[in-house]
């Protein structure tokens, strides 16, 4: 395996008593150039060396959270717990994704949005503003959740037409 980044052990921050280290690209990939500084991670388990996934700016990924494939975390976003960001998922702004939440496909989570619990955001879905998606809610198929909306429970939110089968 060829590594795409290194951890700078002399540049770190503390979040919830956890030490997070700044990363630096050591080769060109995607839109990242060798030498470019990235965000902060707790360990190499947080960001894959495969694909073009990257953590930009002052974004933070820690605990057992993972970012891989072509996913991007940027701005001041935080991903932690057992959260997974993959595919072409993008979390940015001041967004928080944590617990066992997943953001994938071409989904976007941004602004001050929060996605947590066992929720999923995928399939071109967008969660933004001050919206919260939690419990076991799934946001998918071009759906948008925004403003101060809260979506929770065992529910799917979709913007696609669904044909129901008559029983």
Protein backbone atom coordinates (compact mmCIF):
# COMPACT_ATOMS: atom_id res chain seq x y z
CA UNK A 1 0.00 0.00 0.00
CA UNK A 2 1.28 3.42 -0.94
CA UNK A 3 0.38 5.99 1.66
CA UNK A 4 -1.20 9.23 0.51
CA UNK A 5 -0.75 11.23 3.72
CA UNK A 6 1.28 11.44 6.89
CA UNK A 7 0.30 12.41 10.40
CA UNK A 8 2.08 15.46 11.78
CA UNK A 9 2.67 14.52 15.40
CA UNK A 10 3.93 18.00 16.27
CA UNK A 11 0.67 19.71 15.24
CA UNK A 12 -2.34 18.59 17.20
CA UNK A 13 -5.50 19.79 18.92
CA UNK A 14 -7.57 18.37 21.78
CA UNK A 15 -11.26 17.54 21.32
CA UNK A 16 -13.13 15.96 24.25
CA UNK A 17 -9.79 14.91 25.81
CA UNK A 18 -8.81 13.19 22.54
CA UNK A 19 -5.64 14.24 20.74
CA UNK A 20 -6.18 14.85 17.02
CA UNK A 21 -3.29 15.29 14.62
CA UNK A 22 -3.04 17.41 11.46
CA UNK A 23 -2.48 15.45 8.25
CA UNK A 24 -0.36 16.33 5.21
CA UNK A 25 -0.59 14.83 1.73
CA UNK A 26 2.60 13.11 0.60
CA UNK A 27 1.45 12.57 -2.98
CA UNK A 28 -0.98 14.10 -5.48
CA UNK A 29 -4.47 12.56 -5.68
CA UNK A 30 -7.86 13.95 -6.65
CA UNK A 31 -7.71 17.70 -6.08
CA UNK A 32 -5.08 17.34 -3.34
CA UNK A 33 -1.45 18.16 -4.02
CA UNK A 34 1.58 16.71 -2.24
CA UNK A 35 2.51 18.89 0.73
CA UNK A 36 -1.03 20.20 1.23
CA UNK A 37 -2.19 20.27 4.83
CA UNK A 38 -5.46 18.61 5.67
CA UNK A 39 -7.70 18.48 8.71
CA UNK A 40 -7.32 16.47 11.90
CA UNK A 41 -7.59 12.76 12.69
CA UNK A 42 -7.02 10.65 15.76
CA UNK A 43 -5.34 7.78 13.89
CA UNK A 44 -4.78 6.34 10.42
CA UNK A 45 -7.90 4.23 10.97
CA UNK A 46 -9.97 7.39 10.44
CA UNK A 47 -8.90 8.10 6.84
CA UNK A 48 -8.22 5.50 4.17
CA UNK A 49 -5.05 5.61 2.09
CA UNK A 50 -7.08 4.20 -0.83
CA UNK A 51 -9.27 6.29 -3.10
CA UNK A 52 -9.25 10.07 -3.12
CA UNK A 53 -11.00 10.66 0.21
CA UNK A 54 -9.64 13.62 2.14
CA UNK A 55 -10.18 15.71 5.24
CA UNK A 56 -9.75 19.41 4.47
CA UNK A 57 -9.42 22.65 6.42
CA UNK A 58 -10.04 22.27 10.17
CA UNK A 59 -12.42 19.32 9.85
CA UNK A 60 -12.05 16.57 12.45
CA UNK A 61 -12.52 12.80 12.27
CA UNK A 62 -11.94 10.75 15.39
CA UNK A 63 -12.85 7.84 17.64
CA UNK A 64 -13.80 4.90 15.38
CA UNK A 65 -15.21 7.02 12.53
CA UNK A 66 -14.00 6.22 9.01
CA UNK A 67 -13.73 8.25 5.79
CA UNK A 68 -12.99 6.36 2.58
CA UNK A 69 -13.60 5.97 -1.17
CA UNK A 70 -14.03 9.50 -2.60
CA UNK A 71 -15.60 11.07 0.50
CA UNK A 72 -14.68 14.56 1.66
CA UNK A 73 -14.88 16.25 5.04
CA UNK A 74 -14.21 19.99 5.11
CA UNK A 75 -14.73 23.30 6.87
CA UNK A 76 -15.22 22.78 10.60
CA UNK A 77 -17.23 19.58 10.20
CA UNK A 78 -16.80 16.78 12.72
CA UNK A 79 -17.25 13.05 12.20
CA UNK A 80 -16.87 10.75 15.19
CA UNK A 81 -18.20 7.75 17.06
CA UNK A 82 -18.66 4.87 14.60
CA UNK A 83 -19.82 7.09 11.74
CA UNK A 84 -18.91 6.21 8.15
CA UNK A 85 -18.56 8.67 5.26
CA UNK A 86 -17.89 6.97 1.94
CA UNK A 87 -18.72 6.83 -1.75
CA UNK A 88 -18.88 10.46 -2.85
CA UNK A 89 -20.36 11.68 0.45
CA UNK A 90 -19.42 15.20 1.52
CA UNK A 91 -19.76 16.65 5.01
CA UNK A 92 -18.84 20.30 5.40
CA UNK A 93 -19.49 23.61 7.12
CA UNK A 94 -20.16 23.05 10.82
CA UNK A 95 -22.01 19.77 10.26
CA UNK A 96 -21.76 16.89 12.74
CA UNK A 97 -22.06 13.21 11.86
CA UNK A 98 -21.67 10.76 14.72
CA UNK A 99 -22.83 7.61 16.53
CA UNK A 100 -23.44 4.94 13.86
CA UNK A 101 -24.63 7.33 11.14
CA UNK A 102 -23.59 6.90 7.51
CA UNK A 103 -23.34 9.42 4.67
CA UNK A 104 -22.66 7.92 1.25
CA UNK A 105 -23.49 7.88 -2.42
CA UNK A 106 -23.45 11.52 -3.52
CA UNK A 107 -25.07 12.78 -0.33
CA UNK A 108 -24.29 16.17 1.21
CA UNK A 109 -24.51 17.20 4.86
CA UNK A 110 -23.63 20.80 5.61
CA UNK A 111 -24.35 24.00 7.48
CA UNK A 112 -25.10 23.24 11.13
CA UNK A 113 -26.84 19.97 10.31
CA UNK A 114 -26.52 16.92 12.54
CA UNK A 115 -26.83 13.29 11.46
CA UNK A 116 -26.58 10.73 14.23
CA UNK A 117 -27.95 7.56 15.77
CA UNK A 118 -28.29 4.79 13.19
CA UNK A 119 -29.44 7.14 10.44
CA UNK A 120 -28.37 7.13 6.79
CA UNK A 121 -28.10 9.91 4.20
CA UNK A 122 -27.49 8.63 0.67
CA UNK A 123 -28.46 8.67 -3.01
CA UNK A 124 -28.04 12.40 -3.80
CA UNK A 125 -29.86 13.38 -0.60
CA UNK A 126 -29.03 16.68 1.10
CA UNK A 127 -29.28 17.64 4.78
CA UNK A 128 -28.45 21.25 5.62
CA UNK A 129 -29.22 24.30 7.70
CA UNK A 130 -29.99 23.38 11.30
CA UNK A 131 -31.69 20.12 10.33
CA UNK A 132 -31.26 16.98 12.41
CA UNK A 133 -31.58 13.39 11.22
CA UNK A 134 -31.41 10.77 13.95
CA UNK A 135 -32.59 7.46 15.38
CA UNK A 136 -33.01 5.17 12.35
CA UNK A 137 -34.16 7.73 9.76
CA UNK A 138 -33.00 7.26 6.18
CA UNK A 139 -32.83 10.25 3.85
CA UNK A 140 -32.37 9.19 0.23
CA UNK A 141 -33.20 9.52 -3.49
CA UNK A 142 -32.72 13.28 -3.95
CA UNK A 143 -34.58 14.22 -0.76
CA UNK A 144 -33.72 17.47 1.03
CA UNK A 145 -34.03 18.03 4.76
CA UNK A 146 -33.29 21.61 5.78
CA UNK A 147 -34.09 24.56 8.01
CA UNK A 148 -34.91 23.46 11.56
CA UNK A 149 -36.43 20.14 10.46
CA UNK A 150 -35.99 17.08 12.65
CA UNK A 151 -36.43 13.64 11.13
CA UNK A 152 -36.30 10.64 13.43
CA UNK A 153 -37.61 7.17 14.04
CA UNK A 154 -38.01 4.32 11.56
CA UNK A 155 -38.71 6.43 8.50
CA UNK A 156 -37.51 6.84 4.91
CA UNK A 157 -37.64 10.29 3.35
CA UNK A 158 -37.38 10.32 -0.43
CA UNK A 159 -38.07 12.73 -3.27
CA UNK A 160 -38.72 9.94 -5.79
CA UNK A 161 -42.11 8.54 -6.72
CA UNK A 162 -42.82 5.27 -5.00
CA UNK A 163 -45.41 2.89 -6.42
CA UNK A 164 -47.02 0.90 -3.67
CA UNK A 165 -47.91 -2.71 -4.21
CA UNK A 166 -51.53 -3.43 -3.42
CA UNK A 167 -51.91 -6.25 -0.96
